[in-house]
Protein backbone atom coordinates (compact mmCIF):
# COMPACT_ATOMS: atom_id res chain seq x y z
CA MET A 1 71.63 70.39 52.01
CA LYS A 2 71.08 74.15 51.70
CA GLN A 3 67.42 73.59 50.83
CA LEU A 4 66.92 71.38 53.92
CA ILE A 5 68.38 74.07 56.18
CA PHE A 6 66.03 76.66 54.70
CA ILE A 7 63.06 74.29 55.15
CA ALA A 8 64.05 73.75 58.79
CA ILE A 9 64.26 77.50 59.40
CA GLY A 10 60.85 78.03 57.81
CA GLY A 11 59.40 75.09 59.74
CA SER A 12 60.58 76.49 63.06
CA ALA A 13 59.04 79.86 62.31
CA GLY A 14 55.82 78.24 61.08
CA ALA A 15 55.43 76.08 64.18
CA VAL A 16 55.95 79.01 66.54
CA SER A 17 53.60 81.18 64.48
CA ARG A 18 50.92 78.50 64.52
CA TYR A 19 51.12 78.27 68.29
CA LEU A 20 51.00 82.03 68.83
CA VAL A 21 48.17 82.71 66.38
CA SER A 22 46.08 79.78 67.53
CA LYS A 23 46.52 80.53 71.23
CA GLY A 24 45.91 84.24 70.68
CA VAL A 25 42.66 83.67 68.79
CA ASN A 26 41.48 81.09 71.31
CA LEU A 27 42.12 83.52 74.17
CA LEU A 28 39.90 86.08 72.43
CA SER A 29 37.01 83.65 72.04
CA ALA A 30 35.28 82.18 75.04
CA VAL A 31 33.59 79.34 73.19
CA ILE A 32 34.42 75.67 72.65
CA PHE A 33 34.76 75.89 68.85
CA PRO A 34 38.46 75.78 67.87
CA TYR A 35 38.62 79.20 66.23
CA GLY A 36 42.40 79.25 66.60
CA THR A 37 42.85 76.21 64.38
CA LEU A 38 40.23 77.44 61.95
CA THR A 39 42.00 80.80 61.72
CA VAL A 40 45.40 79.18 61.15
CA ASN A 41 44.00 76.88 58.47
CA ILE A 42 42.24 79.70 56.63
CA ILE A 43 45.32 81.95 56.79
CA GLY A 44 47.54 79.10 55.61
CA ALA A 45 45.22 78.21 52.74
CA PHE A 46 45.03 81.84 51.70
CA LEU A 47 48.82 82.24 51.87
CA ILE A 48 49.62 79.10 49.88
CA GLY A 49 47.14 80.12 47.19
CA PHE A 50 48.60 83.62 47.07
CA LEU A 51 52.20 82.43 47.07
CA PHE A 52 51.53 79.70 44.51
CA SER A 53 50.31 82.40 42.15
CA LEU A 54 53.11 84.79 43.07
CA PHE A 55 55.81 82.17 42.54
CA ASN A 56 54.47 81.45 39.06
CA ASP A 57 55.06 85.10 38.14
CA VAL A 58 58.18 86.00 40.13
CA VAL A 59 61.58 84.36 39.87
CA ILE A 60 62.71 83.37 43.36
CA PRO A 61 65.38 80.82 44.31
CA VAL A 62 63.95 77.37 45.02
CA HIS A 63 65.37 77.25 48.55
CA TYR A 64 63.38 80.38 49.46
CA LYS A 65 60.21 78.91 47.93
CA SER A 66 60.77 75.72 49.92
CA MET A 67 61.46 77.65 53.11
CA ILE A 68 58.15 79.50 52.79
CA THR A 69 55.84 76.80 51.41
CA VAL A 70 57.24 73.48 52.65
CA GLY A 71 58.86 74.85 55.80
CA PHE A 72 56.78 77.73 57.13
CA LEU A 73 53.34 76.82 55.76
CA GLY A 74 53.96 73.10 56.23
CA ALA A 75 54.51 73.69 59.93
CA PHE A 76 51.95 76.49 60.20
CA THR A 77 49.28 74.23 58.69
CA THR A 78 49.18 71.26 56.38
CA PHE A 79 45.64 72.27 55.54
CA SER A 80 47.00 74.83 53.10
CA THR A 81 48.67 72.16 50.98
CA TYR A 82 45.58 69.98 51.06
CA SER A 83 43.46 72.96 50.03
CA LEU A 84 45.75 73.87 47.14
CA GLU A 85 45.81 70.29 45.87
CA SER A 86 42.02 70.12 46.00
CA VAL A 87 41.64 73.42 44.14
CA ASN A 88 44.19 72.38 41.51
CA LEU A 89 42.25 69.15 40.93
CA LEU A 90 39.03 71.12 40.52
CA LEU A 91 40.66 73.65 38.19
CA GLY A 92 42.08 70.75 36.19
CA GLY A 93 38.60 69.30 35.73
CA GLU A 94 39.35 66.33 37.98
CA TYR A 95 36.07 66.70 39.89
CA LYS A 96 35.74 63.08 40.96
CA VAL A 97 39.34 62.93 42.22
CA ALA A 98 38.91 66.28 43.99
CA VAL A 99 35.81 65.07 45.83
CA ILE A 100 37.53 61.82 46.78
CA ASN A 101 40.55 63.82 48.00
CA ILE A 102 38.35 66.11 50.08
CA VAL A 103 36.29 63.28 51.58
CA LEU A 104 39.25 61.01 52.31
CA ASN A 105 41.38 63.77 53.85
CA ASN A 106 38.59 64.85 56.16
CA VAL A 107 37.09 61.49 57.07
CA LEU A 108 40.35 59.54 57.40
CA SER A 109 42.04 62.27 59.43
CA ILE A 110 39.15 62.31 61.88
CA VAL A 111 39.14 58.50 62.02
CA ALA A 112 42.91 58.56 62.66
CA VAL A 113 42.48 61.00 65.55
CA VAL A 114 39.80 58.78 67.08
CA GLY A 115 42.00 55.72 66.49
CA GLY A 116 44.92 57.43 68.22
CA ILE A 117 42.71 58.35 71.20
CA PHE A 118 41.44 54.77 71.51
CA LEU A 119 44.94 53.30 71.15
CA PHE A 120 46.27 55.59 73.88
CA ARG A 121 43.35 54.71 76.17
CA PHE A 122 43.91 51.00 75.49
CA ILE A 123 47.67 51.17 76.19
CA ASN A 124 47.13 53.43 79.21
CA HIS A 125 44.75 50.92 80.80
CA LEU A 126 47.24 48.04 80.34
CA GLY A 127 49.72 49.55 82.80
CA PRO A 128 49.76 49.20 86.62
């Protein structure tokens, strides 16, 4: 139960941080490209890589690790976890699995977004 509370605390902070960073970056750029999301994903990927390495060398209670990685970074961006998993596959020599992971995560996520848009449009047009 303690670990879940710590994850929830980290998740709250990560979600608010994602919003603030993304909105702040987007306000600074006057272009259509989603630099806010790109910035959040790059920061998150960098942080999870850094913390993964740090946590292998430093003893820290598991509930703090979970608060930071699962909670904060999970809410800040799931891209960081995906990136770490892909890198670990590559470092482990699992090149084929890494490529499949990268392709499926990107392609299927985009397809899911499009599917969600079409489903909403379909349901929205059914009403009065």
